[in-house]
Amino acid sequence: MPLSLQIIETIEQLNEMARLEEEIWGTAPIPLHQTLTAAKNGGLIIGAYADGKLVGFVYSFPGFRNGEVYLCSHMMGIAESFRDQGIGYRLKMKQAEEARRRGYQRIRWTYDPLQSRNGYLNLAKLGAAAVGYVENCYGEMNDALNGQLPSDRFIVEWRLDERPTGERSLATADFLKARSLAVLDADQKADGLLRPVLKDVDEKAAPLLLAAVPLDFPQLKERDLALALEWRLTTRALFQRLLTEGWIAASAWRRSGEPAMYYIWVRRNEWLPQKGEEE
């Protein structure tokens, strides 16, 4: 089905976006007066249309930090029947193209680090990096996707002066060697669900680190909420420590048949931080 990407800025378009948002999250959408004001004051809202119907969107507005204006990408949603078709990637690439045209040099956003689909898109495909962590970022959330667990989030930064170079990944042979550098692994229980297992690694001598998260965390959460909370608290403690010690999550690895995705952590100073960067 042909797909077109369009900038959203009219009241009619924003009302359609609100209806899709409500359908996806099962909660009241962002008020029209807020989205309309953002669209008219430096914000950027892009819709994905299939046969004239809105099936996805990305919503962003200006942010300011350390003397620099950036684009804050607050929300992206895809209608359920259109997921896993590359629409999210196309929306983000269009967002980057328009942001560059408008003079933005960076895009920042947050996402749940246990959502591997988002992690792979953000880090492996787009080439962004997770540079910060916010514990229970939005407080208690009762929507269909986020309920019952603390709303922890990675802070992601996408530098628009770095042109995308394709998916970042590890070759299979390299990954098998690097697996010994996994500070967090995923062991399969008798019921098929994964449990987090912390590993003892000499981090000072390691060129990179790996940390696993379940490939299908929503299903794990649905089947065993206590185990999902264990993943949340284990990854929270580990990821906060790694970020404090100068590591960032710069990519992600997954392979068909593997039940987990692995974040690839590198030292921040190898990521060429720019002047004024501070987390």
Protein backbone atom coordinates (compact mmCIF):
# COMPACT_ATOMS: atom_id res chain seq x y z
CA MET A 1 0.00 0.00 0.00
CA PRO A 2 1.47 3.40 -0.99
CA LEU A 3 2.50 5.52 1.98
CA SER A 4 2.94 9.28 2.03
CA LEU A 5 4.55 11.45 4.70
CA GLN A 6 3.14 14.92 5.32
CA ILE A 7 3.72 17.74 7.77
CA ILE A 8 0.70 18.06 10.07
CA GLU A 9 -0.35 21.59 11.01
CA THR A 10 -4.07 22.13 10.45
CA ILE A 11 -6.80 21.69 13.07
CA GLU A 12 -8.39 18.92 11.01
CA GLN A 13 -5.10 17.00 10.78
CA LEU A 14 -4.38 17.45 14.48
CA ASN A 15 -7.84 16.17 15.41
CA GLU A 16 -7.19 13.07 13.31
CA MET A 17 -3.85 12.63 15.09
CA ALA A 18 -5.61 12.92 18.47
CA ARG A 19 -8.01 10.14 17.50
CA LEU A 20 -5.12 7.87 16.47
CA GLU A 21 -3.24 8.68 19.69
CA GLU A 22 -6.29 7.72 21.76
CA GLU A 23 -6.65 4.49 19.79
CA ILE A 24 -2.99 3.52 20.36
CA TRP A 25 -2.59 4.40 24.05
CA GLY A 26 -6.14 4.10 25.29
CA THR A 27 -6.01 7.42 27.14
CA ALA A 28 -7.05 11.02 26.51
CA PRO A 29 -4.85 12.56 23.77
CA ILE A 30 -2.70 15.68 24.01
CA PRO A 31 -5.07 18.67 23.91
CA LEU A 32 -5.52 20.29 20.52
CA HIS A 33 -4.52 23.72 21.81
CA GLN A 34 -1.15 22.28 22.85
CA THR A 35 -0.35 20.46 19.60
CA LEU A 36 -1.55 23.41 17.51
CA THR A 37 0.60 25.85 19.50
CA ALA A 38 3.65 23.59 19.11
CA ALA A 39 3.08 23.31 15.35
CA LYS A 40 2.96 27.10 15.00
CA ASN A 41 6.01 27.81 17.21
CA GLY A 42 8.96 25.80 15.96
CA GLY A 43 7.51 22.35 16.48
CA LEU A 44 7.39 19.61 13.88
CA ILE A 45 4.59 17.08 13.47
CA ILE A 46 4.72 14.53 10.66
CA GLY A 47 2.00 12.10 9.66
CA ALA A 48 2.15 8.84 7.71
CA TYR A 49 -0.87 8.35 5.44
CA ALA A 50 -2.06 5.20 3.69
CA ASP A 51 -4.79 5.80 1.12
CA GLY A 52 -5.46 9.17 2.70
CA LYS A 53 -5.86 7.78 6.23
CA LEU A 54 -3.48 8.70 9.06
CA VAL A 55 -1.75 5.53 10.26
CA GLY A 56 1.24 6.97 12.13
CA PHE A 57 2.74 10.19 13.41
CA VAL A 58 5.70 11.71 15.20
CA TYR A 59 5.18 14.79 17.38
CA SER A 60 8.03 17.13 18.41
CA PHE A 61 8.62 20.66 19.68
CA PRO A 62 11.60 22.90 20.55
CA GLY A 63 13.72 22.15 23.60
CA PHE A 64 16.56 24.06 25.24
CA ARG A 65 19.56 22.75 27.20
CA ASN A 66 23.07 24.03 27.93
CA GLY A 67 22.62 27.07 25.72
CA GLU A 68 21.47 25.05 22.71
CA VAL A 69 18.07 24.72 21.08
CA TYR A 70 17.22 21.20 19.94
CA LEU A 71 14.14 19.37 18.73
CA CYS A 72 12.40 17.40 21.48
CA SER A 73 10.65 14.39 19.92
CA HIS A 74 7.92 13.63 22.40
CA MET A 75 5.71 10.97 20.84
CA MET A 76 5.59 8.55 17.93
CA GLY A 77 2.70 6.19 17.31
CA ILE A 78 1.78 3.67 14.62
CA ALA A 79 -1.65 2.07 14.18
CA GLU A 80 -1.46 -1.56 15.27
CA SER A 81 -2.20 -3.07 11.84
CA PHE A 82 0.63 -1.01 10.28
CA ARG A 83 3.44 -1.87 12.71
CA ASP A 84 6.60 -3.74 11.70
CA GLN A 85 6.46 -2.25 8.20
CA GLY A 86 9.25 0.32 8.58
CA ILE A 87 6.91 3.27 9.07
CA GLY A 88 8.58 4.37 12.30
CA TYR A 89 11.96 4.48 10.56
CA ARG A 90 10.55 6.52 7.67
CA LEU A 91 8.88 8.97 10.06
CA LYS A 92 12.12 9.50 11.99
CA MET A 93 14.19 9.97 8.84
CA LYS A 94 11.67 12.52 7.55
CA GLN A 95 11.78 14.21 10.94
CA ALA A 96 15.57 14.46 10.72
CA GLU A 97 15.41 15.85 7.19
CA GLU A 98 12.92 18.56 8.17
CA ALA A 99 14.75 19.33 11.42
CA ARG A 100 18.02 19.94 9.54
CA ARG A 101 16.19 22.17 7.09
CA ARG A 102 14.85 24.23 9.99
CA GLY A 103 18.28 24.61 11.57
CA TYR A 104 18.16 22.00 14.35
CA GLN A 105 21.40 20.14 15.02
CA ARG A 106 20.11 17.54 17.47
CA ILE A 107 16.95 15.64 18.27
CA ARG A 108 16.37 14.28 21.76
CA TRP A 109 13.69 11.98 23.09
CA THR A 110 13.00 9.29 25.68
CA TYR A 111 11.94 5.67 25.44
CA ASP A 112 11.57 2.64 27.68
CA PRO A 113 14.88 0.71 27.49
CA LEU A 114 13.02 -2.57 27.98
CA GLN A 115 11.11 -2.06 24.73
CA SER A 116 13.55 -3.76 22.36
CA ARG A 117 11.68 -2.75 19.19
CA ASN A 118 12.18 0.92 20.05
CA GLY A 119 15.75 0.32 21.19
CA TYR A 120 16.74 -1.33 17.94
CA LEU A 121 15.15 1.39 15.84
CA ASN A 122 16.64 4.24 17.85
CA LEU A 123 20.19 2.97 18.30
CA ALA A 124 20.94 0.39 15.62
CA LYS A 125 18.96 1.76 12.68
CA LEU A 126 18.93 5.52 13.28
CA GLY A 127 22.36 5.74 14.89
CA ALA A 128 21.25 7.70 17.96
CA ALA A 129 22.70 6.95 21.42
CA ALA A 130 21.27 6.60 24.91
CA VAL A 131 23.11 9.24 26.95
CA GLY A 132 20.99 9.48 30.10
CA TYR A 133 18.48 7.65 32.28
CA VAL A 134 15.45 9.01 34.12
CA GLU A 135 13.95 6.91 36.90
CA ASN A 136 10.12 6.80 36.80
CA CYS A 137 10.22 9.62 34.25
CA TYR A 138 6.48 10.18 33.93
CA GLY A 139 5.35 8.83 37.28
CA GLU A 140 2.52 6.31 37.31
CA MET A 141 1.09 5.73 33.85
CA ASN A 142 -2.17 3.90 33.32
CA ASP A 143 -2.27 3.64 29.55
CA ALA A 144 -2.41 0.35 27.66
CA LEU A 145 1.35 0.24 26.97
CA ASN A 146 2.94 1.56 30.16
CA GLY A 147 0.75 0.56 33.09
CA GLN A 148 1.83 -1.39 36.21
CA LEU A 149 5.57 -0.59 36.12
CA PRO A 150 7.71 2.48 36.92
CA SER A 151 8.03 4.60 33.77
CA ASP A 152 11.86 4.55 33.53
CA ARG A 153 13.28 6.02 30.34
CA PHE A 154 16.51 6.29 28.40
CA ILE A 155 17.36 9.80 27.16
CA VAL A 156 18.33 9.49 23.50
CA GLU A 157 20.32 11.98 21.49
CA TRP A 158 20.48 11.97 17.69
CA ARG A 159 23.15 14.20 16.18
CA LEU A 160 21.97 15.47 12.86
CA ASP A 161 25.46 16.46 11.74
CA GLU A 162 26.24 12.75 11.54
CA ARG A 163 24.75 11.29 8.39
CA PRO A 164 23.20 7.82 8.84
CA THR A 165 25.56 5.03 7.81
CA GLY A 166 23.08 2.15 7.84
CA GLU A 167 22.31 -0.29 10.60
CA ARG A 168 24.97 -0.58 13.25
CA SER A 169 25.47 -4.17 14.26
CA LEU A 170 28.03 -6.78 15.18
CA ALA A 171 28.98 -9.56 12.84
CA THR A 172 28.06 -12.96 14.27
CA ALA A 173 31.65 -13.99 14.89
CA ASP A 174 32.44 -10.71 16.59
CA PHE A 175 29.33 -10.98 18.72
CA LEU A 176 30.18 -14.47 19.90
CA LYS A 177 33.56 -13.13 21.03
CA ALA A 178 32.01 -10.07 22.61
CA ARG A 179 29.38 -12.09 24.48
CA SER A 180 31.95 -12.71 27.18
CA LEU A 181 31.67 -8.95 27.82
CA ALA A 182 27.98 -9.17 28.69
CA VAL A 183 27.45 -7.48 32.05
CA LEU A 184 23.81 -8.54 31.91
CA ASP A 185 22.57 -11.69 30.23
CA ALA A 186 19.18 -13.36 29.86
CA ASP A 187 18.67 -16.95 31.00
CA GLN A 188 15.62 -18.88 29.89
CA LYS A 189 13.48 -20.43 32.63
CA ALA A 190 11.49 -23.64 32.34
CA ASP A 191 8.38 -21.67 31.34
CA GLY A 192 10.29 -20.05 28.48
CA LEU A 193 10.48 -16.60 30.04
CA LEU A 194 13.80 -14.83 30.48
CA ARG A 195 15.29 -13.77 33.79
CA PRO A 196 18.07 -11.17 34.18
CA VAL A 197 21.48 -12.47 35.24
CA LEU A 198 24.25 -10.04 36.15
CA LYS A 199 27.77 -11.11 35.12
CA ASP A 200 31.17 -10.30 36.55
CA VAL A 201 33.18 -8.53 33.83
CA ASP A 202 36.45 -6.60 34.01
CA GLU A 203 34.89 -3.39 32.76
CA LYS A 204 38.09 -1.33 32.96
CA ALA A 205 39.77 -3.50 30.35
CA ALA A 206 36.70 -4.01 28.16
CA PRO A 207 36.51 -2.28 24.74
CA LEU A 208 32.71 -2.47 24.95
CA LEU A 209 30.00 -4.00 27.11
CA LEU A 210 26.80 -5.83 26.30
CA ALA A 211 23.56 -5.81 28.27
CA ALA A 212 20.56 -7.97 27.42
CA VAL A 213 16.87 -7.12 27.52
CA PRO A 214 14.01 -9.47 26.55
CA LEU A 215 13.10 -9.32 22.89
CA ASP A 216 9.39 -9.39 23.74
CA PHE A 217 9.09 -7.54 27.03
CA PRO A 218 5.33 -6.76 26.66
CA GLN A 219 4.57 -10.49 26.49
CA LEU A 220 6.85 -11.22 29.46
CA LYS A 221 5.13 -8.47 31.44
CA GLU A 222 1.71 -9.86 30.60
CA ARG A 223 2.68 -13.36 31.75
CA ASP A 224 4.75 -12.51 34.84
CA LEU A 225 4.51 -9.01 36.29
CA ALA A 226 6.91 -9.79 39.14
CA LEU A 227 9.59 -10.88 36.64
CA ALA A 228 8.95 -7.75 34.58
CA LEU A 229 9.55 -5.64 37.70
CA GLU A 230 12.79 -7.57 38.33
CA TRP A 231 13.95 -6.63 34.82
CA ARG A 232 13.01 -3.00 35.44
CA LEU A 233 14.93 -2.76 38.72
CA THR A 234 17.94 -4.75 37.50
CA THR A 235 18.39 -2.72 34.32
CA ARG A 236 17.72 0.54 36.20
CA ALA A 237 20.57 -0.06 38.64
CA LEU A 238 22.97 -1.29 35.94
CA PHE A 239 22.23 1.35 33.31
CA GLN A 240 22.40 4.21 35.81
CA ARG A 241 25.77 2.93 37.05
CA LEU A 242 27.20 2.52 33.54
CA LEU A 243 26.12 6.02 32.53
CA THR A 244 27.61 7.47 35.73
CA GLU A 245 30.90 5.67 35.00
CA GLY A 246 31.18 7.16 31.51
CA TRP A 247 29.52 4.58 29.25
CA ILE A 248 26.70 5.20 26.78
CA ALA A 249 24.48 2.75 24.89
CA ALA A 250 25.55 3.42 21.31
CA SER A 251 23.91 0.56 19.43
CA ALA A 252 21.98 -2.68 19.74
CA TRP A 253 22.32 -6.25 18.44
CA ARG A 254 19.75 -8.94 17.79
CA ARG A 255 19.68 -12.11 15.72
CA SER A 256 16.86 -14.32 14.49
CA GLY A 257 16.22 -17.05 17.03
CA GLU A 258 17.78 -15.13 19.92
CA PRO A 259 15.21 -14.38 22.67
CA ALA A 260 17.06 -11.25 23.79
CA MET A 261 18.40 -8.03 22.31
CA TYR A 262 21.77 -6.72 23.49
CA TYR A 263 22.61 -3.07 24.02
CA ILE A 264 26.17 -2.26 22.96
CA TRP A 265 27.82 0.11 25.43
CA VAL A 266 30.92 2.16 24.59
CA ARG A 267 32.85 4.78 26.51
CA ARG A 268 31.43 8.25 26.15
CA ASN A 269 34.77 9.80 25.18
CA GLU A 270 34.89 7.45 22.19
CA TRP A 271 31.57 8.86 21.00
CA LEU A 272 33.19 12.25 20.32
CA PRO A 273 31.20 14.44 22.72
CA GLN A 274 30.67 17.97 21.51
CA LYS A 275 31.35 21.20 23.35
CA GLY A 276 28.78 21.95 26.02
CA GLU A 277 27.48 18.39 26.28
CA GLU A 278 26.47 17.50 29.78
CA GLU A 279 24.09 14.95 31.23
